[in-house]
Amino acid sequence: MSAYVTVKGLTRVFDVSKPWLNRVLERRGKAFLTAVSDVDFEIEERTTYALVGESGSGKSTIGRMLVGLLRPTDGDVEVEGVNLATETDSERIW
């Protein structure tokens, strides 16, 4: 059986910096939060999996990237061979 969903090198980094003026006045740079780092897995058709982990471990972020609500910072999400990371909004079929 071939993989229905393939995830390779999935990474999501959020910019959690203060507003520009605050950073200038406080002489601080940008701040980033890595929510998901280099995740790989495959899901075959007609199978069930559970994504488990501690609070704040990135489960919801992975789920949002799988359904296309968030774009990955790096990596690929393929569903039936269609790469969601490179697909434009106009190409998506809901």
N, C-alpha and C. Protein backbone atom coordinates (compact mmCIF):
# COMPACT_ATOMS: atom_id res chain seq x y z
N MET A 1 0.83 -1.19 0.00
CA MET A 1 0.00 0.00 0.00
C MET A 1 0.87 1.25 0.00
N SER A 2 0.48 2.24 -0.75
CA SER A 2 1.25 3.49 -0.76
C SER A 2 0.70 4.44 0.30
N ALA A 3 1.50 5.41 0.66
CA ALA A 3 1.12 6.35 1.71
C ALA A 3 0.07 7.33 1.18
N TYR A 4 -0.97 7.55 1.96
CA TYR A 4 -2.02 8.51 1.64
C TYR A 4 -1.55 9.91 2.01
N VAL A 5 -0.91 10.02 3.19
CA VAL A 5 -0.34 11.28 3.67
C VAL A 5 1.14 11.04 3.92
N THR A 6 1.98 11.91 3.38
CA THR A 6 3.42 11.84 3.62
C THR A 6 3.89 13.19 4.14
N VAL A 7 4.57 13.17 5.27
CA VAL A 7 5.11 14.38 5.89
C VAL A 7 6.62 14.22 5.98
N LYS A 8 7.35 15.19 5.42
CA LYS A 8 8.82 15.13 5.42
C LYS A 8 9.41 16.45 5.90
N GLY A 9 10.21 16.39 6.95
CA GLY A 9 10.94 17.56 7.42
C GLY A 9 10.06 18.72 7.84
N LEU A 10 8.87 18.43 8.36
CA LEU A 10 7.90 19.47 8.70
C LEU A 10 8.41 20.34 9.84
N THR A 11 8.46 21.64 9.60
CA THR A 11 8.93 22.60 10.60
C THR A 11 8.04 23.83 10.55
N ARG A 12 7.73 24.37 11.72
CA ARG A 12 6.96 25.62 11.80
C ARG A 12 7.59 26.51 12.87
N VAL A 13 7.97 27.72 12.45
CA VAL A 13 8.57 28.70 13.35
C VAL A 13 7.66 29.93 13.34
N PHE A 14 7.31 30.42 14.54
CA PHE A 14 6.46 31.60 14.68
C PHE A 14 7.30 32.79 15.12
N ASP A 15 6.99 33.96 14.58
CA ASP A 15 7.62 35.21 15.02
C ASP A 15 6.82 35.71 16.22
N VAL A 16 7.45 35.71 17.40
CA VAL A 16 6.77 36.14 18.63
C VAL A 16 7.38 37.44 19.15
N SER A 17 7.92 38.22 18.24
CA SER A 17 8.58 39.48 18.61
C SER A 17 7.56 40.51 19.08
N LYS A 18 8.06 41.42 19.89
CA LYS A 18 7.26 42.58 20.27
C LYS A 18 7.13 43.48 19.05
N PRO A 19 6.21 44.45 19.09
CA PRO A 19 6.08 45.38 17.96
C PRO A 19 7.40 46.11 17.69
N TRP A 20 7.55 46.58 16.46
CA TRP A 20 8.79 47.19 16.00
C TRP A 20 9.26 48.31 16.92
N LEU A 21 8.38 49.23 17.29
CA LEU A 21 8.77 50.37 18.12
C LEU A 21 9.29 49.92 19.47
N ASN A 22 8.63 48.95 20.09
CA ASN A 22 9.11 48.42 21.38
C ASN A 22 10.50 47.82 21.24
N ARG A 23 10.73 47.08 20.16
CA ARG A 23 12.05 46.46 19.95
C ARG A 23 13.13 47.52 19.79
N VAL A 24 12.81 48.61 19.09
CA VAL A 24 13.79 49.68 18.89
C VAL A 24 14.09 50.37 20.22
N LEU A 25 13.05 50.70 20.97
CA LEU A 25 13.25 51.39 22.25
C LEU A 25 13.97 50.52 23.27
N GLU A 26 13.68 49.24 23.27
CA GLU A 26 14.31 48.31 24.23
C GLU A 26 15.60 47.70 23.68
N ARG A 27 15.94 48.04 22.44
CA ARG A 27 17.15 47.53 21.78
C ARG A 27 17.19 46.00 21.78
N ARG A 28 16.12 45.43 21.32
CA ARG A 28 16.02 43.97 21.23
C ARG A 28 15.78 43.55 19.79
N GLY A 29 16.23 42.36 19.47
CA GLY A 29 15.99 41.81 18.14
C GLY A 29 14.68 41.05 18.08
N LYS A 30 14.46 40.41 16.96
CA LYS A 30 13.26 39.59 16.80
C LYS A 30 13.38 38.33 17.64
N ALA A 31 12.23 37.81 18.05
CA ALA A 31 12.18 36.56 18.82
C ALA A 31 11.35 35.54 18.05
N PHE A 32 11.82 34.31 18.04
CA PHE A 32 11.14 33.25 17.29
C PHE A 32 10.87 32.06 18.20
N LEU A 33 9.77 31.36 17.92
CA LEU A 33 9.39 30.16 18.65
C LEU A 33 9.25 29.02 17.65
N THR A 34 10.02 27.96 17.86
CA THR A 34 9.93 26.78 17.00
C THR A 34 8.89 25.84 17.60
N ALA A 35 7.73 25.74 16.96
CA ALA A 35 6.64 24.91 17.47
C ALA A 35 6.80 23.46 17.03
N VAL A 36 7.28 23.24 15.82
CA VAL A 36 7.46 21.89 15.26
C VAL A 36 8.80 21.89 14.53
N SER A 37 9.59 20.85 14.77
CA SER A 37 10.93 20.81 14.17
C SER A 37 11.22 19.45 13.54
N ASP A 38 11.35 19.44 12.21
CA ASP A 38 11.81 18.28 11.44
C ASP A 38 11.02 16.99 11.73
N VAL A 39 9.72 17.04 11.49
CA VAL A 39 8.84 15.89 11.74
C VAL A 39 8.64 15.11 10.44
N ASP A 40 8.78 13.78 10.51
CA ASP A 40 8.57 12.89 9.37
C ASP A 40 7.60 11.78 9.76
N PHE A 41 6.61 11.50 8.92
CA PHE A 41 5.78 10.31 9.09
C PHE A 41 4.96 10.07 7.84
N GLU A 42 4.41 8.86 7.75
CA GLU A 42 3.53 8.49 6.64
C GLU A 42 2.28 7.85 7.22
N ILE A 43 1.15 8.11 6.59
CA ILE A 43 -0.12 7.50 6.97
C ILE A 43 -0.66 6.78 5.75
N GLU A 44 -0.87 5.50 5.88
CA GLU A 44 -1.41 4.71 4.78
C GLU A 44 -2.93 4.77 4.79
N GLU A 45 -3.53 4.48 3.64
CA GLU A 45 -4.99 4.47 3.54
C GLU A 45 -5.58 3.44 4.48
N ARG A 46 -6.78 3.75 4.98
CA ARG A 46 -7.55 2.84 5.83
C ARG A 46 -6.82 2.45 7.10
N THR A 47 -6.05 3.38 7.65
CA THR A 47 -5.39 3.15 8.94
C THR A 47 -5.73 4.29 9.87
N THR A 48 -5.59 4.06 11.16
CA THR A 48 -5.87 5.07 12.16
C THR A 48 -4.64 5.26 13.03
N TYR A 49 -4.29 6.52 13.27
CA TYR A 49 -3.14 6.85 14.10
C TYR A 49 -3.56 7.87 15.14
N ALA A 50 -2.78 7.96 16.20
CA ALA A 50 -3.00 8.98 17.23
C ALA A 50 -1.74 9.81 17.35
N LEU A 51 -1.89 11.10 17.43
CA LEU A 51 -0.77 12.01 17.64
C LEU A 51 -0.84 12.45 19.09
N VAL A 52 0.09 11.96 19.89
CA VAL A 52 0.05 12.22 21.33
C VAL A 52 1.31 12.96 21.76
N GLY A 53 1.19 13.71 22.83
CA GLY A 53 2.33 14.43 23.39
C GLY A 53 1.87 15.36 24.49
N GLU A 54 2.84 15.94 25.15
CA GLU A 54 2.54 16.85 26.26
C GLU A 54 1.91 18.14 25.74
N SER A 55 1.35 18.89 26.66
CA SER A 55 0.78 20.19 26.33
C SER A 55 1.87 21.09 25.75
N GLY A 56 1.57 21.71 24.63
CA GLY A 56 2.54 22.61 24.00
C GLY A 56 3.58 21.92 23.16
N SER A 57 3.37 20.64 22.83
CA SER A 57 4.39 19.90 22.07
C SER A 57 4.24 20.02 20.56
N GLY A 58 3.20 20.71 20.08
CA GLY A 58 3.05 20.95 18.64
C GLY A 58 2.01 20.10 17.94
N LYS A 59 1.19 19.37 18.70
CA LYS A 59 0.17 18.50 18.08
C LYS A 59 -0.83 19.29 17.24
N SER A 60 -1.36 20.36 17.79
CA SER A 60 -2.34 21.17 17.07
C SER A 60 -1.71 21.87 15.87
N THR A 61 -0.48 22.30 16.01
CA THR A 61 0.22 22.94 14.89
C THR A 61 0.41 21.96 13.75
N ILE A 62 0.79 20.72 14.06
CA ILE A 62 0.91 19.69 13.02
C ILE A 62 -0.44 19.45 12.35
N GLY A 63 -1.49 19.35 13.15
CA GLY A 63 -2.83 19.14 12.60
C GLY A 63 -3.25 20.28 11.68
N ARG A 64 -2.97 21.51 12.08
CA ARG A 64 -3.33 22.66 11.24
C ARG A 64 -2.56 22.66 9.93
N MET A 65 -1.30 22.22 9.97
CA MET A 65 -0.52 22.15 8.73
C MET A 65 -1.02 21.01 7.85
N LEU A 66 -1.46 19.91 8.45
CA LEU A 66 -1.97 18.77 7.67
C LEU A 66 -3.23 19.12 6.89
N VAL A 67 -4.09 19.95 7.48
CA VAL A 67 -5.34 20.31 6.79
C VAL A 67 -5.22 21.60 5.99
N GLY A 68 -4.03 22.23 6.02
CA GLY A 68 -3.80 23.41 5.20
C GLY A 68 -4.16 24.73 5.83
N LEU A 69 -4.43 24.76 7.14
CA LEU A 69 -4.74 26.03 7.80
C LEU A 69 -3.48 26.85 8.07
N LEU A 70 -2.35 26.19 8.21
CA LEU A 70 -1.06 26.85 8.40
C LEU A 70 -0.09 26.36 7.34
N ARG A 71 0.74 27.24 6.85
CA ARG A 71 1.80 26.83 5.92
C ARG A 71 3.05 26.50 6.73
N PRO A 72 3.72 25.41 6.39
CA PRO A 72 4.96 25.07 7.09
C PRO A 72 6.06 26.09 6.77
N THR A 73 6.93 26.33 7.74
CA THR A 73 8.11 27.15 7.49
C THR A 73 9.06 26.39 6.58
N ASP A 74 9.13 25.08 6.78
CA ASP A 74 9.99 24.22 5.97
C ASP A 74 9.36 22.83 5.93
N GLY A 75 9.71 22.05 4.94
CA GLY A 75 9.20 20.69 4.83
C GLY A 75 8.03 20.57 3.89
N ASP A 76 7.55 19.34 3.73
CA ASP A 76 6.48 19.04 2.79
C ASP A 76 5.37 18.24 3.44
N VAL A 77 4.14 18.54 3.05
CA VAL A 77 2.97 17.75 3.42
C VAL A 77 2.31 17.35 2.11
N GLU A 78 2.27 16.05 1.84
CA GLU A 78 1.64 15.55 0.61
C GLU A 78 0.43 14.70 0.97
N VAL A 79 -0.70 15.02 0.35
CA VAL A 79 -1.92 14.23 0.51
C VAL A 79 -2.29 13.72 -0.88
N GLU A 80 -2.29 12.41 -1.03
CA GLU A 80 -2.53 11.76 -2.33
C GLU A 80 -1.61 12.33 -3.41
N GLY A 81 -0.37 12.59 -3.06
CA GLY A 81 0.61 13.08 -4.02
C GLY A 81 0.59 14.57 -4.29
N VAL A 82 -0.35 15.31 -3.69
CA VAL A 82 -0.43 16.75 -3.87
C VAL A 82 0.30 17.42 -2.71
N ASN A 83 1.30 18.24 -3.03
CA ASN A 83 2.08 18.92 -2.01
C ASN A 83 1.34 20.16 -1.53
N LEU A 84 0.86 20.15 -0.28
CA LEU A 84 0.11 21.28 0.27
C LEU A 84 1.00 22.48 0.54
N ALA A 85 2.29 22.26 0.74
CA ALA A 85 3.21 23.35 1.05
C ALA A 85 3.42 24.27 -0.15
N THR A 86 3.36 23.73 -1.35
CA THR A 86 3.61 24.55 -2.54
C THR A 86 2.34 24.89 -3.31
N GLU A 87 1.24 24.30 -2.94
CA GLU A 87 -0.03 24.54 -3.62
C GLU A 87 -0.55 25.94 -3.27
N THR A 88 -1.00 26.68 -4.25
CA THR A 88 -1.55 28.00 -3.99
C THR A 88 -3.00 27.88 -3.53
N ASP A 89 -3.50 28.95 -2.92
CA ASP A 89 -4.88 28.94 -2.43
C ASP A 89 -5.88 28.71 -3.55
N SER A 90 -5.61 29.23 -4.74
CA SER A 90 -6.55 29.07 -5.85
C SER A 90 -6.57 27.64 -6.38
N GLU A 91 -5.51 26.86 -6.12
CA GLU A 91 -5.45 25.48 -6.58
C GLU A 91 -6.13 24.51 -5.61
N ARG A 92 -6.40 24.97 -4.41
CA ARG A 92 -6.98 24.08 -3.40
C ARG A 92 -8.42 23.76 -3.71
N ILE A 93 -8.77 22.53 -3.50
CA ILE A 93 -10.16 22.10 -3.68
C ILE A 93 -10.69 21.74 -2.31
N TRP A 94 -11.65 22.47 -1.84
CA TRP A 94 -12.20 22.21 -0.50
C TRP A 94 -13.33 21.30 -0.67
